[in-house]
Amino acid sequence: MNESRISPERRSPEDDRLDALFRAYRSACEPAEVSVNFMPELWQKIDHVQSRTFSFRRIARGFLTAATAASLVMATLVVVPAWHPSPVNATYVEILAAHSDSPDTVDVTPADSAEDSEEI
């Protein structure tokens, strides 16, 4: 059975191998007999694949929601300033003014030092 339209004298061994491959493909893909349960089985397979896809979509949406919430929280923390000014962003004068009320600071003034020197 020669399916090729090439004349036999112009055929090469590759053409014969290709024809044999096509014959093997045709015999492997022959339609099987259709049973009575063909459509119900087909719908069961489709439902099974769709349920697996639905589960994956539900999990992916959950991760997307969690990532969005985490991004919003981090963006809020970056944008909203802290209650106390950061010493990194404060100037030297602001830091000194903030710590001048604490009792462990030493108040050195010329009037105090003159009185102390006379008493000694």
PDB file of N, CA and C in Angstrom:
ATOM      1  N   MET A   1       0.848  -1.170   0.000  1.00  0.00           N
ATOM      2  CA  MET A   1       0.000   0.000   0.000  1.00  0.00           C
ATOM      3  C   MET A   1       0.893   1.233   0.000  1.00  0.00           C
ATOM      4  N   ASN A   2       0.967   1.879  -1.078  1.00  0.00           N
ATOM      5  CA  ASN A   2       1.843   3.023  -1.248  1.00  0.00           C
ATOM      6  C   ASN A   2       0.983   4.284  -1.227  1.00  0.00           C
ATOM      7  N   GLU A   3       1.005   5.055  -0.077  1.00  0.00           N
ATOM      8  CA  GLU A   3       0.198   6.257   0.053  1.00  0.00           C
ATOM      9  C   GLU A   3       0.847   7.446  -0.631  1.00  0.00           C
ATOM     10  N   SER A   4       2.099   7.364  -0.897  1.00  0.00           N
ATOM     11  CA  SER A   4       2.837   8.479  -1.453  1.00  0.00           C
ATOM     12  C   SER A   4       2.493   8.660  -2.921  1.00  0.00           C
ATOM     13  N   ARG A   5       2.507   9.895  -3.380  1.00  0.00           N
ATOM     14  CA  ARG A   5       2.232  10.193  -4.785  1.00  0.00           C
ATOM     15  C   ARG A   5       3.525  10.303  -5.586  1.00  0.00           C
ATOM     16  N   ILE A   6       4.632  10.008  -4.949  1.00  0.00           N
ATOM     17  CA  ILE A   6       5.923  10.053  -5.637  1.00  0.00           C
ATOM     18  C   ILE A   6       6.089   8.740  -6.404  1.00  0.00           C
ATOM     19  N   SER A   7       6.616   8.845  -7.591  1.00  0.00           N
ATOM     20  CA  SER A   7       6.811   7.623  -8.395  1.00  0.00           C
ATOM     21  C   SER A   7       7.812   6.711  -7.690  1.00  0.00           C
ATOM     22  N   PRO A   8       7.670   5.392  -7.857  1.00  0.00           N
ATOM     23  CA  PRO A   8       8.537   4.445  -7.135  1.00  0.00           C
ATOM     24  C   PRO A   8      10.017   4.626  -7.427  1.00  0.00           C
ATOM     25  N   GLU A   9      10.396   5.074  -8.596  1.00  0.00           N
ATOM     26  CA  GLU A   9      11.824   5.231  -8.884  1.00  0.00           C
ATOM     27  C   GLU A   9      12.422   6.463  -8.212  1.00  0.00           C
ATOM     28  N   ARG A  10      11.590   7.418  -7.780  1.00  0.00           N
ATOM     29  CA  ARG A  10      12.099   8.633  -7.131  1.00  0.00           C
ATOM     30  C   ARG A  10      11.979   8.559  -5.607  1.00  0.00           C
ATOM     31  N   ARG A  11      11.462   7.485  -5.080  1.00  0.00           N
ATOM     32  CA  ARG A  11      11.285   7.347  -3.623  1.00  0.00           C
ATOM     33  C   ARG A  11      12.607   7.008  -2.952  1.00  0.00           C
ATOM     34  N   SER A  12      12.802   7.562  -1.761  1.00  0.00           N
ATOM     35  CA  SER A  12      14.018   7.287  -1.001  1.00  0.00           C
ATOM     36  C   SER A  12      13.645   6.443   0.221  1.00  0.00           C
ATOM     37  N   PRO A  13      14.638   5.912   0.929  1.00  0.00           N
ATOM     38  CA  PRO A  13      14.346   5.134   2.148  1.00  0.00           C
ATOM     39  C   PRO A  13      13.662   5.989   3.226  1.00  0.00           C
ATOM     40  N   GLU A  14      13.937   7.282   3.235  1.00  0.00           N
ATOM     41  CA  GLU A  14      13.290   8.151   4.213  1.00  0.00           C
ATOM     42  C   GLU A  14      11.793   8.260   3.950  1.00  0.00           C
ATOM     43  N   ASP A  15      11.404   8.241   2.657  1.00  0.00           N
ATOM     44  CA  ASP A  15       9.987   8.272   2.326  1.00  0.00           C
ATOM     45  C   ASP A  15       9.280   7.019   2.844  1.00  0.00           C
ATOM     46  N   ASP A  16       9.936   5.858   2.708  1.00  0.00           N
ATOM     47  CA  ASP A  16       9.344   4.608   3.210  1.00  0.00           C
ATOM     48  C   ASP A  16       9.207   4.650   4.733  1.00  0.00           C
ATOM     49  N   ARG A  17      10.231   5.170   5.387  1.00  0.00           N
ATOM     50  CA  ARG A  17      10.157   5.269   6.855  1.00  0.00           C
ATOM     51  C   ARG A  17       9.041   6.216   7.281  1.00  0.00           C
ATOM     52  N   LEU A  18       8.870   7.317   6.549  1.00  0.00           N
ATOM     53  CA  LEU A  18       7.814   8.269   6.857  1.00  0.00           C
ATOM     54  C   LEU A  18       6.436   7.642   6.650  1.00  0.00           C
ATOM     55  N   ASP A  19       6.276   6.886   5.586  1.00  0.00           N
ATOM     56  CA  ASP A  19       4.999   6.195   5.356  1.00  0.00           C
ATOM     57  C   ASP A  19       4.722   5.196   6.470  1.00  0.00           C
ATOM     58  N   ALA A  20       5.749   4.482   6.924  1.00  0.00           N
ATOM     59  CA  ALA A  20       5.567   3.519   8.021  1.00  0.00           C
ATOM     60  C   ALA A  20       5.184   4.250   9.309  1.00  0.00           C
ATOM     61  N   LEU A  21       5.765   5.415   9.541  1.00  0.00           N
ATOM     62  CA  LEU A  21       5.420   6.202  10.721  1.00  0.00           C
ATOM     63  C   LEU A  21       3.966   6.659  10.663  1.00  0.00           C
ATOM     64  N   PHE A  22       3.517   7.120   9.500  1.00  0.00           N
ATOM     65  CA  PHE A  22       2.119   7.540   9.361  1.00  0.00           C
ATOM     66  C   PHE A  22       1.155   6.368   9.567  1.00  0.00           C
ATOM     67  N   ARG A  23       1.502   5.187   9.052  1.00  0.00           N
ATOM     68  CA  ARG A  23       0.645   4.008   9.256  1.00  0.00           C
ATOM     69  C   ARG A  23       0.563   3.647  10.741  1.00  0.00           C
ATOM     70  N   ALA A  24       1.700   3.707  11.452  1.00  0.00           N
ATOM     71  CA  ALA A  24       1.705   3.398  12.888  1.00  0.00           C
ATOM     72  C   ALA A  24       0.875   4.428  13.663  1.00  0.00           C
ATOM     73  N   TYR A  25       0.968   5.676  13.262  1.00  0.00           N
ATOM     74  CA  TYR A  25       0.180   6.726  13.922  1.00  0.00           C
ATOM     75  C   TYR A  25      -1.316   6.505  13.697  1.00  0.00           C
ATOM     76  N   ARG A  26      -1.694   6.171  12.455  1.00  0.00           N
ATOM     77  CA  ARG A  26      -3.101   5.945  12.148  1.00  0.00           C
ATOM     78  C   ARG A  26      -3.651   4.745  12.933  1.00  0.00           C
ATOM     79  N   SER A  27      -2.858   3.708  13.062  1.00  0.00           N
ATOM     80  CA  SER A  27      -3.343   2.531  13.797  1.00  0.00           C
ATOM     81  C   SER A  27      -3.406   2.802  15.307  1.00  0.00           C
ATOM     82  N   ALA A  28      -2.528   3.684  15.813  1.00  0.00           N
ATOM     83  CA  ALA A  28      -2.551   4.013  17.244  1.00  0.00           C
ATOM     84  C   ALA A  28      -3.704   4.939  17.591  1.00  0.00           C
ATOM     85  N   CYS A  29      -4.166   5.714  16.630  1.00  0.00           N
ATOM     86  CA  CYS A  29      -5.213   6.701  16.898  1.00  0.00           C
ATOM     87  C   CYS A  29      -6.586   6.276  16.392  1.00  0.00           C
ATOM     88  N   GLU A  30      -6.763   5.015  16.145  1.00  0.00           N
ATOM     89  CA  GLU A  30      -8.084   4.571  15.687  1.00  0.00           C
ATOM     90  C   GLU A  30      -9.107   4.806  16.793  1.00  0.00           C
ATOM     91  N   PRO A  31     -10.270   5.301  16.417  1.00  0.00           N
ATOM     92  CA  PRO A  31     -11.280   5.550  17.454  1.00  0.00           C
ATOM     93  C   PRO A  31     -11.765   4.249  18.079  1.00  0.00           C
ATOM     94  N   ALA A  32     -11.871   4.260  19.369  1.00  0.00           N
ATOM     95  CA  ALA A  32     -12.350   3.075  20.095  1.00  0.00           C
ATOM     96  C   ALA A  32     -13.868   3.045  20.037  1.00  0.00           C
ATOM     97  N   GLU A  33     -14.391   1.911  20.374  1.00  0.00           N
ATOM     98  CA  GLU A  33     -15.844   1.782  20.414  1.00  0.00           C
ATOM     99  C   GLU A  33     -16.389   2.642  21.546  1.00  0.00           C
ATOM    100  N   VAL A  34     -17.460   3.350  21.256  1.00  0.00           N
ATOM    101  CA  VAL A  34     -18.073   4.226  22.239  1.00  0.00           C
ATOM    102  C   VAL A  34     -19.075   3.409  23.053  1.00  0.00           C
ATOM    103  N   SER A  35     -18.912   3.494  24.380  1.00  0.00           N
ATOM    104  CA  SER A  35     -19.820   2.743  25.248  1.00  0.00           C
ATOM    105  C   SER A  35     -21.036   3.603  25.601  1.00  0.00           C
ATOM    106  N   VAL A  36     -21.972   2.988  26.293  1.00  0.00           N
ATOM    107  CA  VAL A  36     -23.179   3.687  26.712  1.00  0.00           C
ATOM    108  C   VAL A  36     -22.848   4.758  27.747  1.00  0.00           C
ATOM    109  N   ASN A  37     -21.835   4.540  28.549  1.00  0.00           N
ATOM    110  CA  ASN A  37     -21.467   5.463  29.614  1.00  0.00           C
ATOM    111  C   ASN A  37     -20.430   6.492  29.163  1.00  0.00           C
ATOM    112  N   PHE A  38     -20.287   6.696  27.869  1.00  0.00           N
ATOM    113  CA  PHE A  38     -19.258   7.605  27.378  1.00  0.00           C
ATOM    114  C   PHE A  38     -19.467   9.022  27.893  1.00  0.00           C
ATOM    115  N   MET A  39     -20.648   9.589  27.717  1.00  0.00           N
ATOM    116  CA  MET A  39     -20.901  10.968  28.142  1.00  0.00           C
ATOM    117  C   MET A  39     -20.842  11.134  29.661  1.00  0.00           C
ATOM    118  N   PRO A  40     -21.455  10.263  30.468  1.00  0.00           N
ATOM    119  CA  PRO A  40     -21.315  10.435  31.924  1.00  0.00           C
ATOM    120  C   PRO A  40     -19.863  10.344  32.401  1.00  0.00           C
ATOM    121  N   GLU A  41     -19.083   9.439  31.817  1.00  0.00           N
ATOM    122  CA  GLU A  41     -17.672   9.337  32.198  1.00  0.00           C
ATOM    123  C   GLU A  41     -16.897  10.575  31.772  1.00  0.00           C
ATOM    124  N   LEU A  42     -17.235  11.087  30.596  1.00  0.00           N
ATOM    125  CA  LEU A  42     -16.573  12.302  30.124  1.00  0.00           C
ATOM    126  C   LEU A  42     -16.865  13.469  31.052  1.00  0.00           C
ATOM    127  N   TRP A  43     -18.114  13.618  31.474  1.00  0.00           N
ATOM    128  CA  TRP A  43     -18.469  14.715  32.381  1.00  0.00           C
ATOM    129  C   TRP A  43     -17.833  14.530  33.755  1.00  0.00           C
ATOM    130  N   GLN A  44     -17.678  13.306  34.209  1.00  0.00           N
ATOM    131  CA  GLN A  44     -16.991  13.065  35.480  1.00  0.00           C
ATOM    132  C   GLN A  44     -15.531  13.510  35.394  1.00  0.00           C
ATOM    133  N   LYS A  45     -14.892  13.205  34.277  1.00  0.00           N
ATOM    134  CA  LYS A  45     -13.500  13.628  34.099  1.00  0.00           C
ATOM    135  C   LYS A  45     -13.395  15.152  34.061  1.00  0.00           C
ATOM    136  N   ILE A  46     -14.329  15.788  33.343  1.00  0.00           N
ATOM    137  CA  ILE A  46     -14.311  17.250  33.263  1.00  0.00           C
ATOM    138  C   ILE A  46     -14.544  17.865  34.635  1.00  0.00           C
ATOM    139  N   ASP A  47     -15.501  17.344  35.392  1.00  0.00           N
ATOM    140  CA  ASP A  47     -15.774  17.861  36.735  1.00  0.00           C
ATOM    141  C   ASP A  47     -14.584  17.668  37.657  1.00  0.00           C
ATOM    142  N   HIS A  48     -13.899  16.554  37.530  1.00  0.00           N
ATOM    143  CA  HIS A  48     -12.734  16.289  38.374  1.00  0.00           C
ATOM    144  C   HIS A  48     -11.626  17.311  38.099  1.00  0.00           C
ATOM    145  N   VAL A  49     -11.364  17.586  36.829  1.00  0.00           N
ATOM    146  CA  VAL A  49     -10.331  18.562  36.470  1.00  0.00           C
ATOM    147  C   VAL A  49     -10.741  19.958  36.925  1.00  0.00           C
ATOM    148  N   GLN A  50     -12.015  20.314  36.748  1.00  0.00           N
ATOM    149  CA  GLN A  50     -12.470  21.640  37.149  1.00  0.00           C
ATOM    150  C   GLN A  50     -12.434  21.812  38.663  1.00  0.00           C
ATOM    151  N   SER A  51     -12.737  20.764  39.425  1.00  0.00           N
ATOM    152  CA  SER A  51     -12.684  20.897  40.885  1.00  0.00           C
ATOM    153  C   SER A  51     -11.247  21.102  41.356  1.00  0.00           C
ATOM    154  N   ARG A  52     -10.297  20.440  40.708  1.00  0.00           N
ATOM    155  CA  ARG A  52      -8.897  20.629  41.060  1.00  0.00           C
ATOM    156  C   ARG A  52      -8.453  22.051  40.712  1.00  0.00           C
ATOM    157  N   THR A  53      -8.893  22.547  39.564  1.00  0.00           N
ATOM    158  CA  THR A  53      -8.557  23.911  39.154  1.00  0.00           C
ATOM    159  C   THR A  53      -9.197  24.921  40.099  1.00  0.00           C
ATOM    160  N   PHE A  54     -10.431  24.651  40.528  1.00  0.00           N
ATOM    161  CA  PHE A  54     -11.115  25.553  41.447  1.00  0.00           C
ATOM    162  C   PHE A  54     -10.373  25.622  42.778  1.00  0.00           C
ATOM    163  N   SER A  55      -9.897  24.504  43.284  1.00  0.00           N
ATOM    164  CA  SER A  55      -9.149  24.500  44.543  1.00  0.00           C
ATOM    165  C   SER A  55      -7.872  25.325  44.401  1.00  0.00           C
ATOM    166  N   PHE A  56      -7.188  25.166  43.286  1.00  0.00           N
ATOM    167  CA  PHE A  56      -5.961  25.932  43.070  1.00  0.00           C
ATOM    168  C   PHE A  56      -6.267  27.423  43.000  1.00  0.00           C
ATOM    169  N   ARG A  57      -7.354  27.784  42.328  1.00  0.00           N
ATOM    170  CA  ARG A  57      -7.720  29.200  42.237  1.00  0.00           C
ATOM    171  C   ARG A  57      -8.064  29.760  43.610  1.00  0.00           C
ATOM    172  N   ARG A  58      -8.764  28.984  44.426  1.00  0.00           N
ATOM    173  CA  ARG A  58      -9.133  29.446  45.752  1.00  0.00           C
ATOM    174  C   ARG A  58      -7.892  29.673  46.613  1.00  0.00           C
ATOM    175  N   ILE A  59      -6.931  28.775  46.538  1.00  0.00           N
ATOM    176  CA  ILE A  59      -5.690  28.929  47.296  1.00  0.00           C
ATOM    177  C   ILE A  59      -4.905  30.138  46.784  1.00  0.00           C
ATOM    178  N   ALA A  60      -4.851  30.298  45.465  1.00  0.00           N
ATOM    179  CA  ALA A  60      -4.120  31.431  44.880  1.00  0.00           C
ATOM    180  C   ALA A  60      -4.765  32.756  45.285  1.00  0.00           C
ATOM    181  N   ARG A  61      -6.089  32.812  45.311  1.00  0.00           N
ATOM    182  CA  ARG A  61      -6.764  34.038  45.737  1.00  0.00           C
ATOM    183  C   ARG A  61      -6.493  34.332  47.211  1.00  0.00           C
ATOM    184  N   GLY A  62      -6.418  33.298  48.036  1.00  0.00           N
ATOM    185  CA  GLY A  62      -6.088  33.492  49.445  1.00  0.00           C
ATOM    186  C   GLY A  62      -4.701  34.082  49.617  1.00  0.00           C
ATOM    187  N   PHE A  63      -3.726  33.543  48.882  1.00  0.00           N
ATOM    188  CA  PHE A  63      -2.373  34.090  48.945  1.00  0.00           C
ATOM    189  C   PHE A  63      -2.333  35.524  48.433  1.00  0.00           C
ATOM    190  N   LEU A  64      -3.085  35.800  47.389  1.00  0.00           N
ATOM    191  CA  LEU A  64      -3.118  37.157  46.846  1.00  0.00           C
ATOM    192  C   LEU A  64      -3.710  38.127  47.864  1.00  0.00           C
ATOM    193  N   THR A  65      -4.764  37.716  48.542  1.00  0.00           N
ATOM    194  CA  THR A  65      -5.369  38.567  49.560  1.00  0.00           C
ATOM    195  C   THR A  65      -4.404  38.816  50.721  1.00  0.00           C
ATOM    196  N   ALA A  66      -3.721  37.778  51.159  1.00  0.00           N
ATOM    197  CA  ALA A  66      -2.758  37.929  52.256  1.00  0.00           C
ATOM    198  C   ALA A  66      -1.595  38.840  51.845  1.00  0.00           C
ATOM    199  N   ALA A  67      -1.114  38.692  50.617  1.00  0.00           N
ATOM    200  CA  ALA A  67      -0.014  39.540  50.156  1.00  0.00           C
ATOM    201  C   ALA A  67      -0.450  40.997  50.046  1.00  0.00           C
ATOM    202  N   THR A  68      -1.679  41.217  49.593  1.00  0.00           N
ATOM    203  CA  THR A  68      -2.186  42.587  49.501  1.00  0.00           C
ATOM    204  C   THR A  68      -2.319  43.209  50.881  1.00  0.00           C
ATOM    205  N   ALA A  69      -2.857  42.446  51.828  1.00  0.00           N
ATOM    206  CA  ALA A  69      -3.001  42.967  53.189  1.00  0.00           C
ATOM    207  C   ALA A  69      -1.637  43.280  53.808  1.00  0.00           C
ATOM    208  N   ALA A  70      -0.675  42.385  53.616  1.00  0.00           N
ATOM    209  CA  ALA A  70       0.663  42.628  54.162  1.00  0.00           C
ATOM    210  C   ALA A  70       1.304  43.857  53.510  1.00  0.00           C
ATOM    211  N   SER A  71       1.096  44.037  52.223  1.00  0.00           N
ATOM    212  CA  SER A  71       1.645  45.213  51.541  1.00  0.00           C
ATOM    213  C   SER A  71       1.022  46.503  52.059  1.00  0.00           C
ATOM    214  N   LEU A  72      -0.288  46.481  52.288  1.00  0.00           N
ATOM    215  CA  LEU A  72      -0.953  47.673  52.811  1.00  0.00           C
ATOM    216  C   LEU A  72      -0.470  48.011  54.218  1.00  0.00           C
ATOM    217  N   VAL A  73      -0.275  46.990  55.050  1.00  0.00           N
ATOM    218  CA  VAL A  73       0.220  47.231  56.402  1.00  0.00           C
ATOM    219  C   VAL A  73       1.623  47.813  56.357  1.00  0.00           C
ATOM    220  N   MET A  74       2.486  47.256  55.525  1.00  0.00           N
ATOM    221  CA  MET A  74       3.852  47.780  55.436  1.00  0.00           C
ATOM    222  C   MET A  74       3.871  49.194  54.862  1.00  0.00           C
ATOM    223  N   ALA A  75       3.030  49.461  53.880  1.00  0.00           N
ATOM    224  CA  ALA A  75       2.970  50.812  53.318  1.00  0.00           C
ATOM    225  C   ALA A  75       2.472  51.811  54.349  1.00  0.00           C
ATOM    226  N   THR A  76       1.510  51.402  55.170  1.00  0.00           N
ATOM    227  CA  THR A  76       1.004  52.279  56.222  1.00  0.00           C
ATOM    228  C   THR A  76       2.088  52.563  57.254  1.00  0.00           C
ATOM    229  N   LEU A  77       2.855  51.560  57.621  1.00  0.00           N
ATOM    230  CA  LEU A  77       3.931  51.760  58.589  1.00  0.00           C
ATOM    231  C   LEU A  77       5.016  52.693  58.044  1.00  0.00           C
ATOM    232  N   VAL A  78       5.239  52.659  56.768  1.00  0.00           N
ATOM    233  CA  VAL A  78       6.261  53.519  56.173  1.00  0.00           C
ATOM    234  C   VAL A  78       5.751  54.950  56.053  1.00  0.00           C
ATOM    235  N   VAL A  79       4.492  55.125  55.687  1.00  0.00           N
ATOM    236  CA  VAL A  79       3.958  56.461  55.423  1.00  0.00           C
ATOM    237  C   VAL A  79       3.614  57.204  56.703  1.00  0.00           C
ATOM    238  N   VAL A  80       2.999  56.526  57.668  1.00  0.00           N
ATOM    239  CA  VAL A  80       2.572  57.185  58.901  1.00  0.00           C
ATOM    240  C   VAL A  80       3.797  57.454  59.763  1.00  0.00           C
ATOM    241  N   PRO A  81       4.004  58.699  60.190  1.00  0.00           N
ATOM    242  CA  PRO A  81       5.186  58.987  61.020  1.00  0.00           C
ATOM    243  C   PRO A  81       5.034  58.383  62.416  1.00  0.00           C
ATOM    244  N   ALA A  82       6.148  58.152  63.045  1.00  0.00           N
ATOM    245  CA  ALA A  82       6.143  57.588  64.393  1.00  0.00           C
ATOM    246  C   ALA A  82       5.653  58.632  65.394  1.00  0.00           C
ATOM    247  N   TRP A  83       5.193  58.182  66.561  1.00  0.00           N
ATOM    248  CA  TRP A  83       4.704  59.101  67.587  1.00  0.00           C
ATOM    249  C   TRP A  83       5.824  59.981  68.115  1.00  0.00           C
ATOM    250  N   HIS A  84       6.990  59.404  68.284  1.00  0.00           N
ATOM    251  CA  HIS A  84       8.142  60.163  68.787  1.00  0.00           C
ATOM    252  C   HIS A  84       9.085  60.414  67.620  1.00  0.00           C
ATOM    253  N   PRO A  85       9.593  61.622  67.520  1.00  0.00           N
ATOM    254  CA  PRO A  85      10.494  61.885  66.397  1.00  0.00           C
ATOM    255  C   PRO A  85      11.758  61.039  66.517  1.00  0.00           C
ATOM    256  N   SER A  86      12.204  60.582  65.438  1.00  0.00           N
ATOM    257  CA  SER A  86      13.377  59.722  65.411  1.00  0.00           C
ATOM    258  C   SER A  86      14.634  60.564  65.617  1.00  0.00           C
ATOM    259  N   PRO A  87      15.580  60.100  66.447  1.00  0.00           N
ATOM    260  CA  PRO A  87      16.814  60.855  66.633  1.00  0.00           C
ATOM    261  C   PRO A  87      17.638  60.925  65.350  1.00  0.00           C
ATOM    262  N   VAL A  88      17.412  60.028  64.459  1.00  0.00           N
ATOM    263  CA  VAL A  88      18.175  60.041  63.214  1.00  0.00           C
ATOM    264  C   VAL A  88      17.785  61.253  62.376  1.00  0.00           C
ATOM    265  N   ASN A  89      16.497  61.607  62.398  1.00  0.00           N
ATOM    266  CA  ASN A  89      16.023  62.720  61.581  1.00  0.00           C
ATOM    267  C   ASN A  89      16.038  64.054  62.338  1.00  0.00           C
ATOM    268  N   ALA A  90      16.307  64.050  63.639  1.00  0.00           N
ATOM    269  CA  ALA A  90      16.285  65.279  64.432  1.00  0.00           C
ATOM    270  C   ALA A  90      17.629  65.989  64.317  1.00  0.00           C
ATOM    271  N   THR A  91      17.575  67.295  64.519  1.00  0.00           N
ATOM    272  CA  THR A  91      18.811  68.072  64.502  1.00  0.00           C
ATOM    273  C   THR A  91      19.459  68.009  65.887  1.00  0.00           C
ATOM    274  N   TYR A  92      20.668  68.464  65.964  1.00  0.00           N
ATOM    275  CA  TYR A  92      21.410  68.437  67.222  1.00  0.00           C
ATOM    276  C   TYR A  92      20.711  69.297  68.274  1.00  0.00           C
ATOM    277  N   VAL A  93      20.186  70.448  67.875  1.00  0.00           N
ATOM    278  CA  VAL A  93      19.517  71.344  68.815  1.00  0.00           C
ATOM    279  C   VAL A  93      18.230  70.695  69.332  1.00  0.00           C
ATOM    280  N   GLU A  94      17.494  70.004  68.473  1.00  0.00           N
ATOM    281  CA  GLU A  94      16.257  69.339  68.905  1.00  0.00           C
ATOM    282  C   GLU A  94      16.543  68.229  69.906  1.00  0.00           C
ATOM    283  N   ILE A  95      17.615  67.494  69.693  1.00  0.00           N
ATOM    284  CA  ILE A  95      17.979  66.432  70.640  1.00  0.00           C
ATOM    285  C   ILE A  95      18.364  67.026  71.983  1.00  0.00           C
ATOM    286  N   LEU A  96      19.150  68.103  71.985  1.00  0.00           N
ATOM    287  CA  LEU A  96      19.526  68.757  73.241  1.00  0.00           C
ATOM    288  C   LEU A  96      18.305  69.327  73.955  1.00  0.00           C
ATOM    289  N   ALA A  97      17.364  69.905  73.218  1.00  0.00           N
ATOM    290  CA  ALA A  97      16.157  70.464  73.825  1.00  0.00           C
ATOM    291  C   ALA A  97      15.298  69.360  74.420  1.00  0.00           C
ATOM    292  N   ALA A  98      15.266  68.240  73.796  1.00  0.00           N
ATOM    293  CA  ALA A  98      14.463  67.133  74.308  1.00  0.00           C
ATOM    294  C   ALA A  98      15.049  66.556  75.585  1.00  0.00           C
ATOM    295  N   HIS A  99      16.366  66.581  75.741  1.00  0.00           N
ATOM    296  CA  HIS A  99      17.013  65.997  76.906  1.00  0.00           C
ATOM    297  C   HIS A  99      17.376  67.032  77.972  1.00  0.00           C
ATOM    298  N   SER A 100      17.031  68.263  77.801  1.00  0.00           N
ATOM    299  CA  SER A 100      17.408  69.282  78.787  1.00  0.00           C
ATOM    300  C   SER A 100      16.553  69.193  80.051  1.00  0.00           C
ATOM    301  N   ASP A 101      15.398  68.576  79.996  1.00  0.00           N
ATOM    302  CA  ASP A 101      14.527  68.451  81.165  1.00  0.00           C
ATOM    303  C   ASP A 101      14.903  67.291  82.066  1.00  0.00           C
ATOM    304  N   SER A 102      15.752  66.428  81.662  1.00  0.00           N
ATOM    305  CA  SER A 102      16.083  65.264  82.485  1.00  0.00           C
ATOM    306  C   SER A 102      17.006  65.678  83.634  1.00  0.00           C
ATOM    307  N   PRO A 103      16.879  65.013  84.795  1.00  0.00           N
ATOM    308  CA  PRO A 103      17.649  65.417  85.985  1.00  0.00           C
ATOM    309  C   PRO A 103      19.141  65.087  85.905  1.00  0.00           C
ATOM    310  N   ASP A 104      19.553  64.245  84.999  1.00  0.00           N
ATOM    311  CA  ASP A 104      20.959  63.879  84.956  1.00  0.00           C
ATOM    312  C   ASP A 104      21.786  64.839  84.107  1.00  0.00           C
ATOM    313  N   THR A 105      21.201  65.896  83.615  1.00  0.00           N
ATOM    314  CA  THR A 105      21.975  66.876  82.847  1.00  0.00           C
ATOM    315  C   THR A 105      22.655  67.842  83.804  1.00  0.00           C
ATOM    316  N   VAL A 106      23.791  68.305  83.416  1.00  0.00           N
ATOM    317  CA  VAL A 106      24.562  69.248  84.224  1.00  0.00           C
ATOM    318  C   VAL A 106      24.327  70.640  83.670  1.00  0.00           C
ATOM    319  N   ASP A 107      23.926  71.561  84.541  1.00  0.00           N
ATOM    320  CA  ASP A 107      23.681  72.943  84.129  1.00  0.00           C
ATOM    321  C   ASP A 107      24.895  73.769  84.496  1.00  0.00           C
ATOM    322  N   VAL A 108      25.666  74.116  83.520  1.00  0.00           N
ATOM    323  CA  VAL A 108      26.872  74.891  83.759  1.00  0.00           C
ATOM    324  C   VAL A 108      26.604  76.308  83.266  1.00  0.00           C
ATOM    325  N   THR A 109      26.568  77.252  84.215  1.00  0.00           N
ATOM    326  CA  THR A 109      26.387  78.662  83.851  1.00  0.00           C
ATOM    327  C   THR A 109      27.499  79.463  84.503  1.00  0.00           C
ATOM    328  N   PRO A 110      27.838  80.600  83.979  1.00  0.00           N
ATOM    329  CA  PRO A 110      28.905  81.401  84.584  1.00  0.00           C
ATOM    330  C   PRO A 110      28.554  81.888  85.984  1.00  0.00           C
ATOM    331  N   ALA A 111      27.293  82.144  86.293  1.00  0.00           N
ATOM    332  CA  ALA A 111      26.927  82.639  87.628  1.00  0.00           C
ATOM    333  C   ALA A 111      27.135  81.567  88.680  1.00  0.00           C
ATOM    334  N   ASP A 112      26.801  80.336  88.360  1.00  0.00           N
ATOM    335  CA  ASP A 112      26.976  79.233  89.320  1.00  0.00           C
ATOM    336  C   ASP A 112      28.452  78.977  89.575  1.00  0.00           C
ATOM    337  N   SER A 113      29.239  79.020  88.571  1.00  0.00           N
ATOM    338  CA  SER A 113      30.657  78.708  88.746  1.00  0.00           C
ATOM    339  C   SER A 113      31.350  79.825  89.541  1.00  0.00           C
ATOM    340  N   ALA A 114      30.920  81.088  89.438  1.00  0.00           N
ATOM    341  CA  ALA A 114      31.539  82.189  90.188  1.00  0.00           C
ATOM    342  C   ALA A 114      31.200  82.073  91.666  1.00  0.00           C
ATOM    343  N   GLU A 115      29.983  81.713  92.021  1.00  0.00           N
ATOM    344  CA  GLU A 115      29.593  81.565  93.419  1.00  0.00           C
ATOM    345  C   GLU A 115      30.316  80.389  94.062  1.00  0.00           C
ATOM    346  N   ASP A 116      30.471  79.312  93.341  1.00  0.00           N
ATOM    347  CA  ASP A 116      31.147  78.157  93.889  1.00  0.00           C
ATOM    348  C   ASP A 116      32.619  78.444  94.144  1.00  0.00           C
ATOM    349  N   SER A 117      33.233  79.232  93.323  1.00  0.00           N
ATOM    350  CA  SER A 117      34.657  79.509  93.509  1.00  0.00           C
ATOM    351  C   SER A 117      34.898  80.411  94.679  1.00  0.00           C
ATOM    352  N   GLU A 118      33.960  81.330  95.042  1.00  0.00           N
ATOM    353  CA  GLU A 118      34.156  82.210  96.177  1.00  0.00           C
ATOM    354  C   GLU A 118      34.002  81.490  97.497  1.00  0.00           C
ATOM    355  N   GLU A 119      33.157  80.473  97.529  1.00  0.00           N
ATOM    356  CA  GLU A 119      32.932  79.750  98.785  1.00  0.00           C
ATOM    357  C   GLU A 119      34.098  78.875  99.122  1.00  0.00           C
ATOM    358  N   ILE A 120      34.876  78.492  98.221  1.00  0.00           N
ATOM    359  CA  ILE A 120      35.988  77.592  98.492  1.00  0.00           C
ATOM    360  C   ILE A 120      37.099  78.309  99.093  1.00  0.00           C
TER     361      ILE A 120
END
